[in-house]
């Protein structure tokens, strides 16, 4: 990603080997993920973002949010489940190469 003159981040191909179709698919996935995350309850969204995007451990997330590790695991499970439900239609429309290839590994649990 790069910054343009307006200060907005723009998407750029990851490598010279990424073709326009792959670039578009990645951009669409990013857009759908952001949209689905925005629809989550804030308590679930915070946990999902810290664990799956910020790569914090369960214990670090619990300390940061003032929760117990069990509460973090529960909210993470519920958040991922809701994300999976919201993104199911998007992934079912795309051709599949394998059953798990289209859904990010973070959506499958710890």
PDB file of N, CA and C in Angstrom:
ATOM      1  N   UNK A   1       0.825  -1.178   0.000  1.00  0.00           N
ATOM      2  CA  UNK A   1       0.000   0.000   0.000  1.00  0.00           C
ATOM      3  C   UNK A   1       0.864   1.234   0.000  1.00  0.00           C
ATOM      4  N   UNK A   2       0.387   2.245  -0.638  1.00  0.00           N
ATOM      5  CA  UNK A   2       1.134   3.478  -0.677  1.00  0.00           C
ATOM      6  C   UNK A   2       0.239   4.645  -0.342  1.00  0.00           C
ATOM      7  N   UNK A   3       0.828   5.783  -0.046  1.00  0.00           N
ATOM      8  CA  UNK A   3       0.065   6.990   0.237  1.00  0.00           C
ATOM      9  C   UNK A   3       0.125   7.899  -0.972  1.00  0.00           C
ATOM     10  N   UNK A   4      -1.026   8.452  -1.352  1.00  0.00           N
ATOM     11  CA  UNK A   4      -1.033   9.397  -2.455  1.00  0.00           C
ATOM     12  C   UNK A   4      -1.052  10.818  -1.906  1.00  0.00           C
ATOM     13  N   UNK A   5      -1.183  11.805  -2.780  1.00  0.00           N
ATOM     14  CA  UNK A   5      -1.086  13.209  -2.364  1.00  0.00           C
ATOM     15  C   UNK A   5      -2.191  13.614  -1.390  1.00  0.00           C
ATOM     16  N   UNK A   6      -3.347  12.953  -1.432  1.00  0.00           N
ATOM     17  CA  UNK A   6      -4.456  13.323  -0.567  1.00  0.00           C
ATOM     18  C   UNK A   6      -4.337  12.716   0.819  1.00  0.00           C
ATOM     19  N   UNK A   7      -3.317  11.895   1.042  1.00  0.00           N
ATOM     20  CA  UNK A   7      -3.123  11.278   2.334  1.00  0.00           C
ATOM     21  C   UNK A   7      -3.885   9.977   2.493  1.00  0.00           C
ATOM     22  N   UNK A   8      -4.600   9.543   1.463  1.00  0.00           N
ATOM     23  CA  UNK A   8      -5.347   8.291   1.514  1.00  0.00           C
ATOM     24  C   UNK A   8      -4.449   7.139   1.101  1.00  0.00           C
ATOM     25  N   UNK A   9      -4.670   6.012   1.695  1.00  0.00           N
ATOM     26  CA  UNK A   9      -3.903   4.817   1.362  1.00  0.00           C
ATOM     27  C   UNK A   9      -4.495   4.188   0.114  1.00  0.00           C
ATOM     28  N   UNK A  10      -3.635   3.800  -0.812  1.00  0.00           N
ATOM     29  CA  UNK A  10      -4.094   3.149  -2.034  1.00  0.00           C
ATOM     30  C   UNK A  10      -3.582   1.724  -2.063  1.00  0.00           C
ATOM     31  N   UNK A  11      -4.349   0.872  -2.691  1.00  0.00           N
ATOM     32  CA  UNK A  11      -3.937  -0.518  -2.829  1.00  0.00           C
ATOM     33  C   UNK A  11      -3.023  -0.649  -4.034  1.00  0.00           C
ATOM     34  N   UNK A  12      -1.961  -1.365  -3.874  1.00  0.00           N
ATOM     35  CA  UNK A  12      -1.044  -1.641  -4.966  1.00  0.00           C
ATOM     36  C   UNK A  12      -0.835  -3.144  -5.033  1.00  0.00           C
ATOM     37  N   UNK A  13      -0.558  -3.676  -6.198  1.00  0.00           N
ATOM     38  CA  UNK A  13      -0.308  -5.111  -6.286  1.00  0.00           C
ATOM     39  C   UNK A  13       0.817  -5.523  -5.341  1.00  0.00           C
ATOM     40  N   UNK A  14       0.683  -6.700  -4.726  1.00  0.00           N
ATOM     41  CA  UNK A  14       1.695  -7.187  -3.791  1.00  0.00           C
ATOM     42  C   UNK A  14       3.006  -7.502  -4.479  1.00  0.00           C
ATOM     43  N   UNK A  15       2.926  -7.993  -5.689  1.00  0.00           N
ATOM     44  CA  UNK A  15       4.146  -8.320  -6.411  1.00  0.00           C
ATOM     45  C   UNK A  15       3.865  -8.237  -7.904  1.00  0.00           C
ATOM     46  N   UNK A  16       4.935  -8.306  -8.675  1.00  0.00           N
ATOM     47  CA  UNK A  16       4.784  -8.278 -10.124  1.00  0.00           C
ATOM     48  C   UNK A  16       4.059  -9.518 -10.620  1.00  0.00           C
ATOM     49  N   UNK A  17       4.065 -10.591  -9.817  1.00  0.00           N
ATOM     50  CA  UNK A  17       3.404 -11.829 -10.215  1.00  0.00           C
ATOM     51  C   UNK A  17       1.897 -11.801  -9.976  1.00  0.00           C
ATOM     52  N   UNK A  18       1.385 -10.831  -9.221  1.00  0.00           N
ATOM     53  CA  UNK A  18      -0.048 -10.748  -8.955  1.00  0.00           C
ATOM     54  C   UNK A  18      -0.749 -10.146 -10.167  1.00  0.00           C
ATOM     55  N   UNK A  19      -1.628 -10.904 -10.773  1.00  0.00           N
ATOM     56  CA  UNK A  19      -2.318 -10.412 -11.955  1.00  0.00           C
ATOM     57  C   UNK A  19      -3.501  -9.526 -11.555  1.00  0.00           C
ATOM     58  N   UNK A  20      -4.076  -8.792 -12.498  1.00  0.00           N
ATOM     59  CA  UNK A  20      -5.183  -7.877 -12.172  1.00  0.00           C
ATOM     60  C   UNK A  20      -6.374  -8.575 -11.509  1.00  0.00           C
ATOM     61  N   UNK A  21      -6.658  -9.800 -11.903  1.00  0.00           N
ATOM     62  CA  UNK A  21      -7.776 -10.523 -11.292  1.00  0.00           C
ATOM     63  C   UNK A  21      -7.492 -10.813  -9.818  1.00  0.00           C
ATOM     64  N   UNK A  22      -6.270 -11.221  -9.500  1.00  0.00           N
ATOM     65  CA  UNK A  22      -5.894 -11.481  -8.113  1.00  0.00           C
ATOM     66  C   UNK A  22      -5.930 -10.184  -7.298  1.00  0.00           C
ATOM     67  N   UNK A  23      -5.455  -9.101  -7.898  1.00  0.00           N
ATOM     68  CA  UNK A  23      -5.467  -7.801  -7.237  1.00  0.00           C
ATOM     69  C   UNK A  23      -6.892  -7.386  -6.911  1.00  0.00           C
ATOM     70  N   UNK A  24      -7.787  -7.528  -7.879  1.00  0.00           N
ATOM     71  CA  UNK A  24      -9.189  -7.154  -7.684  1.00  0.00           C
ATOM     72  C   UNK A  24      -9.829  -8.030  -6.610  1.00  0.00           C
ATOM     73  N   UNK A  25      -9.573  -9.340  -6.652  1.00  0.00           N
ATOM     74  CA  UNK A  25     -10.142 -10.262  -5.661  1.00  0.00           C
ATOM     75  C   UNK A  25      -9.671  -9.901  -4.255  1.00  0.00           C
ATOM     76  N   UNK A  26      -8.391  -9.553  -4.125  1.00  0.00           N
ATOM     77  CA  UNK A  26      -7.859  -9.162  -2.816  1.00  0.00           C
ATOM     78  C   UNK A  26      -8.500  -7.865  -2.327  1.00  0.00           C
ATOM     79  N   UNK A  27      -8.697  -6.912  -3.227  1.00  0.00           N
ATOM     80  CA  UNK A  27      -9.331  -5.643  -2.868  1.00  0.00           C
ATOM     81  C   UNK A  27     -10.784  -5.858  -2.454  1.00  0.00           C
ATOM     82  N   UNK A  28     -11.483  -6.720  -3.168  1.00  0.00           N
ATOM     83  CA  UNK A  28     -12.877  -7.024  -2.829  1.00  0.00           C
ATOM     84  C   UNK A  28     -12.966  -7.724  -1.477  1.00  0.00           C
ATOM     85  N   UNK A  29     -12.075  -8.656  -1.229  1.00  0.00           N
ATOM     86  CA  UNK A  29     -12.055  -9.353   0.050  1.00  0.00           C
ATOM     87  C   UNK A  29     -11.815  -8.359   1.186  1.00  0.00           C
ATOM     88  N   UNK A  30     -10.863  -7.482   0.999  1.00  0.00           N
ATOM     89  CA  UNK A  30     -10.566  -6.465   2.013  1.00  0.00           C
ATOM     90  C   UNK A  30     -11.796  -5.610   2.288  1.00  0.00           C
ATOM     91  N   UNK A  31     -12.473  -5.194   1.236  1.00  0.00           N
ATOM     92  CA  UNK A  31     -13.674  -4.365   1.370  1.00  0.00           C
ATOM     93  C   UNK A  31     -14.766  -5.111   2.138  1.00  0.00           C
ATOM     94  N   UNK A  32     -14.986  -6.376   1.802  1.00  0.00           N
ATOM     95  CA  UNK A  32     -16.014  -7.183   2.472  1.00  0.00           C
ATOM     96  C   UNK A  32     -15.660  -7.432   3.942  1.00  0.00           C
ATOM     97  N   UNK A  33     -14.381  -7.688   4.215  1.00  0.00           N
ATOM     98  CA  UNK A  33     -13.956  -7.898   5.600  1.00  0.00           C
ATOM     99  C   UNK A  33     -14.164  -6.653   6.450  1.00  0.00           C
ATOM    100  N   UNK A  34     -13.810  -5.502   5.906  1.00  0.00           N
ATOM    101  CA  UNK A  34     -13.986  -4.242   6.632  1.00  0.00           C
ATOM    102  C   UNK A  34     -15.465  -3.989   6.886  1.00  0.00           C
ATOM    103  N   UNK A  35     -16.278  -4.237   5.888  1.00  0.00           N
ATOM    104  CA  UNK A  35     -17.727  -4.060   6.022  1.00  0.00           C
ATOM    105  C   UNK A  35     -18.288  -5.002   7.096  1.00  0.00           C
ATOM    106  N   UNK A  36     -17.896  -6.264   7.056  1.00  0.00           N
ATOM    107  CA  UNK A  36     -18.388  -7.252   8.023  1.00  0.00           C
ATOM    108  C   UNK A  36     -17.908  -6.920   9.438  1.00  0.00           C
ATOM    109  N   UNK A  37     -16.659  -6.498   9.584  1.00  0.00           N
ATOM    110  CA  UNK A  37     -16.145  -6.105  10.895  1.00  0.00           C
ATOM    111  C   UNK A  37     -16.917  -4.906  11.440  1.00  0.00           C
ATOM    112  N   UNK A  38     -17.262  -3.970  10.575  1.00  0.00           N
ATOM    113  CA  UNK A  38     -18.010  -2.787  10.986  1.00  0.00           C
ATOM    114  C   UNK A  38     -19.407  -3.108  11.490  1.00  0.00           C
ATOM    115  N   UNK A  39     -19.946  -4.245  11.081  1.00  0.00           N
ATOM    116  CA  UNK A  39     -21.286  -4.650  11.502  1.00  0.00           C
ATOM    117  C   UNK A  39     -21.280  -5.427  12.822  1.00  0.00           C
ATOM    118  N   UNK A  40     -20.105  -5.834  13.279  1.00  0.00           N
ATOM    119  CA  UNK A  40     -20.020  -6.567  14.543  1.00  0.00           C
ATOM    120  C   UNK A  40     -20.290  -5.643  15.721  1.00  0.00           C
ATOM    121  N   UNK A  41     -20.802  -6.225  16.787  1.00  0.00           N
ATOM    122  CA  UNK A  41     -20.941  -5.515  18.045  1.00  0.00           C
ATOM    123  C   UNK A  41     -19.536  -5.043  18.454  1.00  0.00           C
ATOM    124  N   UNK A  42     -19.403  -3.823  18.967  1.00  0.00           N
ATOM    125  CA  UNK A  42     -18.064  -3.309  19.311  1.00  0.00           C
ATOM    126  C   UNK A  42     -17.252  -4.207  20.248  1.00  0.00           C
ATOM    127  N   UNK A  43     -17.913  -4.890  21.180  1.00  0.00           N
ATOM    128  CA  UNK A  43     -17.160  -5.759  22.106  1.00  0.00           C
ATOM    129  C   UNK A  43     -16.559  -6.955  21.377  1.00  0.00           C
ATOM    130  N   UNK A  44     -17.234  -7.444  20.347  1.00  0.00           N
ATOM    131  CA  UNK A  44     -16.701  -8.547  19.544  1.00  0.00           C
ATOM    132  C   UNK A  44     -15.653  -8.035  18.572  1.00  0.00           C
ATOM    133  N   UNK A  45     -15.919  -6.875  17.982  1.00  0.00           N
ATOM    134  CA  UNK A  45     -14.995  -6.294  17.003  1.00  0.00           C
ATOM    135  C   UNK A  45     -13.631  -6.028  17.623  1.00  0.00           C
ATOM    136  N   UNK A  46     -13.612  -5.457  18.830  1.00  0.00           N
ATOM    137  CA  UNK A  46     -12.337  -5.142  19.490  1.00  0.00           C
ATOM    138  C   UNK A  46     -11.494  -6.399  19.694  1.00  0.00           C
ATOM    139  N   UNK A  47     -12.133  -7.457  20.166  1.00  0.00           N
ATOM    140  CA  UNK A  47     -11.401  -8.701  20.410  1.00  0.00           C
ATOM    141  C   UNK A  47     -10.874  -9.274  19.098  1.00  0.00           C
ATOM    142  N   UNK A  48     -11.724  -9.304  18.067  1.00  0.00           N
ATOM    143  CA  UNK A  48     -11.299  -9.842  16.765  1.00  0.00           C
ATOM    144  C   UNK A  48     -10.136  -9.042  16.187  1.00  0.00           C
ATOM    145  N   UNK A  49     -10.220  -7.740  16.270  1.00  0.00           N
ATOM    146  CA  UNK A  49      -9.147  -6.907  15.728  1.00  0.00           C
ATOM    147  C   UNK A  49      -7.838  -7.100  16.489  1.00  0.00           C
ATOM    148  N   UNK A  50      -7.910  -7.118  17.806  1.00  0.00           N
ATOM    149  CA  UNK A  50      -6.684  -7.277  18.588  1.00  0.00           C
ATOM    150  C   UNK A  50      -6.051  -8.645  18.374  1.00  0.00           C
ATOM    151  N   UNK A  51      -6.880  -9.694  18.328  1.00  0.00           N
ATOM    152  CA  UNK A  51      -6.339 -11.051  18.177  1.00  0.00           C
ATOM    153  C   UNK A  51      -5.926 -11.356  16.750  1.00  0.00           C
ATOM    154  N   UNK A  52      -6.816 -11.075  15.780  1.00  0.00           N
ATOM    155  CA  UNK A  52      -6.580 -11.515  14.406  1.00  0.00           C
ATOM    156  C   UNK A  52      -5.825 -10.513  13.548  1.00  0.00           C
ATOM    157  N   UNK A  53      -5.972  -9.243  13.827  1.00  0.00           N
ATOM    158  CA  UNK A  53      -5.255  -8.234  13.044  1.00  0.00           C
ATOM    159  C   UNK A  53      -4.007  -7.782  13.795  1.00  0.00           C
ATOM    160  N   UNK A  54      -4.162  -7.519  15.093  1.00  0.00           N
ATOM    161  CA  UNK A  54      -3.034  -7.064  15.896  1.00  0.00           C
ATOM    162  C   UNK A  54      -2.124  -8.176  16.373  1.00  0.00           C
ATOM    163  N   UNK A  55      -2.561  -9.431  16.190  1.00  0.00           N
ATOM    164  CA  UNK A  55      -1.783 -10.610  16.582  1.00  0.00           C
ATOM    165  C   UNK A  55      -1.415 -10.627  18.063  1.00  0.00           C
ATOM    166  N   UNK A  56      -2.269 -10.057  18.909  1.00  0.00           N
ATOM    167  CA  UNK A  56      -2.034 -10.144  20.347  1.00  0.00           C
ATOM    168  C   UNK A  56      -2.462 -11.522  20.831  1.00  0.00           C
ATOM    169  N   UNK A  57      -1.843 -11.990  21.874  1.00  0.00           N
ATOM    170  CA  UNK A  57      -2.231 -13.265  22.477  1.00  0.00           C
ATOM    171  C   UNK A  57      -3.554 -13.064  23.215  1.00  0.00           C
ATOM    172  N   UNK A  58      -4.146 -14.172  23.618  1.00  0.00           N
ATOM    173  CA  UNK A  58      -5.381 -14.102  24.396  1.00  0.00           C
ATOM    174  C   UNK A  58      -5.141 -13.334  25.695  1.00  0.00           C
ATOM    175  N   UNK A  59      -4.034 -13.613  26.346  1.00  0.00           N
ATOM    176  CA  UNK A  59      -3.721 -12.953  27.614  1.00  0.00           C
ATOM    177  C   UNK A  59      -3.471 -11.450  27.415  1.00  0.00           C
ATOM    178  N   UNK A  60      -2.748 -11.095  26.360  1.00  0.00           N
ATOM    179  CA  UNK A  60      -2.490  -9.677  26.081  1.00  0.00           C
ATOM    180  C   UNK A  60      -3.794  -8.950  25.770  1.00  0.00           C
ATOM    181  N   UNK A  61      -4.655  -9.583  25.000  1.00  0.00           N
ATOM    182  CA  UNK A  61      -5.948  -8.979  24.661  1.00  0.00           C
ATOM    183  C   UNK A  61      -6.781  -8.794  25.918  1.00  0.00           C
ATOM    184  N   UNK A  62      -6.796  -9.805  26.784  1.00  0.00           N
ATOM    185  CA  UNK A  62      -7.556  -9.723  28.038  1.00  0.00           C
ATOM    186  C   UNK A  62      -7.055  -8.567  28.897  1.00  0.00           C
ATOM    187  N   UNK A  63      -5.747  -8.442  29.032  1.00  0.00           N
ATOM    188  CA  UNK A  63      -5.174  -7.357  29.838  1.00  0.00           C
ATOM    189  C   UNK A  63      -5.497  -5.998  29.234  1.00  0.00           C
ATOM    190  N   UNK A  64      -5.415  -5.898  27.920  1.00  0.00           N
ATOM    191  CA  UNK A  64      -5.671  -4.622  27.230  1.00  0.00           C
ATOM    192  C   UNK A  64      -7.120  -4.177  27.394  1.00  0.00           C
ATOM    193  N   UNK A  65      -8.052  -5.139  27.387  1.00  0.00           N
ATOM    194  CA  UNK A  65      -9.478  -4.805  27.458  1.00  0.00           C
ATOM    195  C   UNK A  65     -10.072  -4.954  28.857  1.00  0.00           C
ATOM    196  N   UNK A  66      -9.268  -5.419  29.810  1.00  0.00           N
ATOM    197  CA  UNK A  66      -9.773  -5.602  31.167  1.00  0.00           C
ATOM    198  C   UNK A  66     -10.754  -6.763  31.271  1.00  0.00           C
ATOM    199  N   UNK A  67     -10.488  -7.817  30.514  1.00  0.00           N
ATOM    200  CA  UNK A  67     -11.343  -9.000  30.495  1.00  0.00           C
ATOM    201  C   UNK A  67     -10.564 -10.200  31.000  1.00  0.00           C
ATOM    202  N   UNK A  68     -11.276 -11.277  31.253  1.00  0.00           N
ATOM    203  CA  UNK A  68     -10.604 -12.536  31.564  1.00  0.00           C
ATOM    204  C   UNK A  68     -10.228 -13.212  30.252  1.00  0.00           C
ATOM    205  N   UNK A  69      -9.225 -14.078  30.262  1.00  0.00           N
ATOM    206  CA  UNK A  69      -8.888 -14.809  29.035  1.00  0.00           C
ATOM    207  C   UNK A  69     -10.077 -15.617  28.488  1.00  0.00           C
ATOM    208  N   UNK A  70     -10.896 -16.181  29.384  1.00  0.00           N
ATOM    209  CA  UNK A  70     -12.070 -16.940  28.929  1.00  0.00           C
ATOM    210  C   UNK A  70     -13.060 -16.022  28.210  1.00  0.00           C
ATOM    211  N   UNK A  71     -13.246 -14.798  28.699  1.00  0.00           N
ATOM    212  CA  UNK A  71     -14.149 -13.850  28.042  1.00  0.00           C
ATOM    213  C   UNK A  71     -13.618 -13.501  26.646  1.00  0.00           C
ATOM    214  N   UNK A  72     -12.304 -13.361  26.527  1.00  0.00           N
ATOM    215  CA  UNK A  72     -11.695 -13.076  25.217  1.00  0.00           C
ATOM    216  C   UNK A  72     -11.947 -14.238  24.268  1.00  0.00           C
ATOM    217  N   UNK A  73     -11.724 -15.465  24.733  1.00  0.00           N
ATOM    218  CA  UNK A  73     -11.945 -16.637  23.873  1.00  0.00           C
ATOM    219  C   UNK A  73     -13.407 -16.734  23.436  1.00  0.00           C
ATOM    220  N   UNK A  74     -14.320 -16.473  24.351  1.00  0.00           N
ATOM    221  CA  UNK A  74     -15.747 -16.527  24.031  1.00  0.00           C
ATOM    222  C   UNK A  74     -16.116 -15.468  23.004  1.00  0.00           C
ATOM    223  N   UNK A  75     -15.664 -14.232  23.221  1.00  0.00           N
ATOM    224  CA  UNK A  75     -15.982 -13.153  22.283  1.00  0.00           C
ATOM    225  C   UNK A  75     -15.323 -13.388  20.926  1.00  0.00           C
ATOM    226  N   UNK A  76     -14.122 -13.926  20.936  1.00  0.00           N
ATOM    227  CA  UNK A  76     -13.442 -14.220  19.680  1.00  0.00           C
ATOM    228  C   UNK A  76     -14.212 -15.287  18.902  1.00  0.00           C
ATOM    229  N   UNK A  77     -14.651 -16.327  19.589  1.00  0.00           N
ATOM    230  CA  UNK A  77     -15.441 -17.376  18.948  1.00  0.00           C
ATOM    231  C   UNK A  77     -16.715 -16.792  18.353  1.00  0.00           C
ATOM    232  N   UNK A  78     -17.445 -16.002  19.131  1.00  0.00           N
ATOM    233  CA  UNK A  78     -18.702 -15.404  18.653  1.00  0.00           C
ATOM    234  C   UNK A  78     -18.463 -14.433  17.496  1.00  0.00           C
ATOM    235  N   UNK A  79     -17.415 -13.634  17.609  1.00  0.00           N
ATOM    236  CA  UNK A  79     -17.103 -12.680  16.543  1.00  0.00           C
ATOM    237  C   UNK A  79     -16.748 -13.378  15.244  1.00  0.00           C
ATOM    238  N   UNK A  80     -15.904 -14.399  15.322  1.00  0.00           N
ATOM    239  CA  UNK A  80     -15.521 -15.149  14.127  1.00  0.00           C
ATOM    240  C   UNK A  80     -16.721 -15.851  13.518  1.00  0.00           C
ATOM    241  N   UNK A  81     -17.598 -16.377  14.362  1.00  0.00           N
ATOM    242  CA  UNK A  81     -18.802 -17.040  13.866  1.00  0.00           C
ATOM    243  C   UNK A  81     -19.684 -16.058  13.102  1.00  0.00           C
ATOM    244  N   UNK A  82     -19.883 -14.876  13.657  1.00  0.00           N
ATOM    245  CA  UNK A  82     -20.692 -13.852  12.975  1.00  0.00           C
ATOM    246  C   UNK A  82     -20.028 -13.401  11.683  1.00  0.00           C
ATOM    247  N   UNK A  83     -18.710 -13.237  11.691  1.00  0.00           N
ATOM    248  CA  UNK A  83     -18.001 -12.869  10.463  1.00  0.00           C
ATOM    249  C   UNK A  83     -18.178 -13.944   9.407  1.00  0.00           C
ATOM    250  N   UNK A  84     -18.047 -15.194   9.804  1.00  0.00           N
ATOM    251  CA  UNK A  84     -18.219 -16.312   8.877  1.00  0.00           C
ATOM    252  C   UNK A  84     -19.611 -16.288   8.258  1.00  0.00           C
ATOM    253  N   UNK A  85     -20.629 -16.035   9.092  1.00  0.00           N
ATOM    254  CA  UNK A  85     -22.010 -15.975   8.599  1.00  0.00           C
ATOM    255  C   UNK A  85     -22.172 -14.842   7.595  1.00  0.00           C
ATOM    256  N   UNK A  86     -21.613 -13.672   7.908  1.00  0.00           N
ATOM    257  CA  UNK A  86     -21.758 -12.514   7.026  1.00  0.00           C
ATOM    258  C   UNK A  86     -20.973 -12.663   5.723  1.00  0.00           C
ATOM    259  N   UNK A  87     -19.874 -13.391   5.768  1.00  0.00           N
ATOM    260  CA  UNK A  87     -19.023 -13.537   4.581  1.00  0.00           C
ATOM    261  C   UNK A  87     -19.335 -14.794   3.774  1.00  0.00           C
ATOM    262  N   UNK A  88     -20.194 -15.644   4.283  1.00  0.00           N
ATOM    263  CA  UNK A  88     -20.500 -16.911   3.612  1.00  0.00           C
ATOM    264  C   UNK A  88     -20.954 -16.686   2.168  1.00  0.00           C
ATOM    265  N   UNK A  89     -21.850 -15.761   1.915  1.00  0.00           N
ATOM    266  CA  UNK A  89     -22.336 -15.492   0.567  1.00  0.00           C
ATOM    267  C   UNK A  89     -21.230 -15.040  -0.370  1.00  0.00           C
ATOM    268  N   UNK A  90     -20.327 -14.232   0.130  1.00  0.00           N
ATOM    269  CA  UNK A  90     -19.217 -13.746  -0.692  1.00  0.00           C
ATOM    270  C   UNK A  90     -18.327 -14.898  -1.132  1.00  0.00           C
ATOM    271  N   UNK A  91     -18.011 -15.801  -0.221  1.00  0.00           N
ATOM    272  CA  UNK A  91     -17.127 -16.906  -0.556  1.00  0.00           C
ATOM    273  C   UNK A  91     -17.815 -17.982  -1.376  1.00  0.00           C
ATOM    274  N   UNK A  92     -19.116 -18.162  -1.199  1.00  0.00           N
ATOM    275  CA  UNK A  92     -19.837 -19.161  -1.983  1.00  0.00           C
ATOM    276  C   UNK A  92     -20.013 -18.744  -3.433  1.00  0.00           C
ATOM    277  N   UNK A  93     -19.888 -17.471  -3.750  1.00  0.00           N
ATOM    278  CA  UNK A  93     -20.018 -16.977  -5.117  1.00  0.00           C
ATOM    279  C   UNK A  93     -18.739 -17.187  -5.911  1.00  0.00           C
ATOM    280  N   UNK A  94     -17.614 -17.330  -5.250  1.00  0.00           N
ATOM    281  CA  UNK A  94     -16.320 -17.418  -5.918  1.00  0.00           C
ATOM    282  C   UNK A  94     -15.972 -18.867  -6.199  1.00  0.00           C
ATOM    283  N   UNK A  95     -15.292 -19.135  -7.297  1.00  0.00           N
ATOM    284  CA  UNK A  95     -14.842 -20.505  -7.543  1.00  0.00           C
ATOM    285  C   UNK A  95     -13.847 -20.926  -6.475  1.00  0.00           C
ATOM    286  N   UNK A  96     -13.918 -22.172  -6.058  1.00  0.00           N
ATOM    287  CA  UNK A  96     -13.048 -22.656  -4.991  1.00  0.00           C
ATOM    288  C   UNK A  96     -11.993 -23.586  -5.559  1.00  0.00           C
ATOM    289  N   UNK A  97     -10.791 -23.451  -5.018  1.00  0.00           N
ATOM    290  CA  UNK A  97      -9.731 -24.382  -5.384  1.00  0.00           C
ATOM    291  C   UNK A  97      -9.586 -25.441  -4.304  1.00  0.00           C
ATOM    292  N   UNK A  98      -9.933 -25.076  -3.085  1.00  0.00           N
ATOM    293  CA  UNK A  98      -9.977 -26.041  -1.990  1.00  0.00           C
ATOM    294  C   UNK A  98     -10.979 -25.530  -0.974  1.00  0.00           C
ATOM    295  N   UNK A  99     -11.386 -26.360  -0.067  1.00  0.00           N
ATOM    296  CA  UNK A  99     -12.430 -25.985   0.877  1.00  0.00           C
ATOM    297  C   UNK A  99     -12.004 -24.882   1.841  1.00  0.00           C
ATOM    298  N   UNK A 100     -10.710 -24.747   2.128  1.00  0.00           N
ATOM    299  CA  UNK A 100     -10.264 -23.740   3.085  1.00  0.00           C
ATOM    300  C   UNK A 100      -9.478 -22.609   2.439  1.00  0.00           C
ATOM    301  N   UNK A 101      -9.211 -22.683   1.157  1.00  0.00           N
ATOM    302  CA  UNK A 101      -8.332 -21.713   0.520  1.00  0.00           C
ATOM    303  C   UNK A 101      -8.908 -20.307   0.523  1.00  0.00           C
ATOM    304  N   UNK A 102     -10.224 -20.157   0.389  1.00  0.00           N
ATOM    305  CA  UNK A 102     -10.821 -18.833   0.238  1.00  0.00           C
ATOM    306  C   UNK A 102     -10.980 -18.087   1.571  1.00  0.00           C
ATOM    307  N   UNK A 103     -11.120 -18.806   2.695  1.00  0.00           N
ATOM    308  CA  UNK A 103     -11.374 -18.160   3.974  1.00  0.00           C
ATOM    309  C   UNK A 103     -10.062 -18.034   4.730  1.00  0.00           C
ATOM    310  N   UNK A 104      -9.772 -16.811   5.217  1.00  0.00           N
ATOM    311  CA  UNK A 104      -8.523 -16.601   5.952  1.00  0.00           C
ATOM    312  C   UNK A 104      -8.397 -17.573   7.116  1.00  0.00           C
ATOM    313  N   UNK A 105      -7.182 -18.009   7.387  1.00  0.00           N
ATOM    314  CA  UNK A 105      -6.920 -18.975   8.455  1.00  0.00           C
ATOM    315  C   UNK A 105      -7.449 -18.479   9.793  1.00  0.00           C
ATOM    316  N   UNK A 106      -7.441 -17.171  10.035  1.00  0.00           N
ATOM    317  CA  UNK A 106      -7.908 -16.615  11.307  1.00  0.00           C
ATOM    318  C   UNK A 106      -9.378 -16.919  11.546  1.00  0.00           C
ATOM    319  N   UNK A 107     -10.138 -17.189  10.507  1.00  0.00           N
ATOM    320  CA  UNK A 107     -11.568 -17.456  10.672  1.00  0.00           C
ATOM    321  C   UNK A 107     -11.838 -18.850  11.218  1.00  0.00           C
ATOM    322  N   UNK A 108     -10.839 -19.690  11.338  1.00  0.00           N
ATOM    323  CA  UNK A 108     -11.032 -21.064  11.760  1.00  0.00           C
ATOM    324  C   UNK A 108     -10.742 -21.306  13.237  1.00  0.00           C
ATOM    325  N   UNK A 109     -10.425 -20.283  14.008  1.00  0.00           N
ATOM    326  CA  UNK A 109     -10.195 -20.471  15.430  1.00  0.00           C
ATOM    327  C   UNK A 109      -8.722 -20.464  15.793  1.00  0.00           C
ATOM    328  N   UNK A 110      -8.464 -20.619  17.082  1.00  0.00           N
ATOM    329  CA  UNK A 110      -7.086 -20.563  17.588  1.00  0.00           C
ATOM    330  C   UNK A 110      -6.256 -21.710  17.115  1.00  0.00           C
TER     331      UNK A 110
END
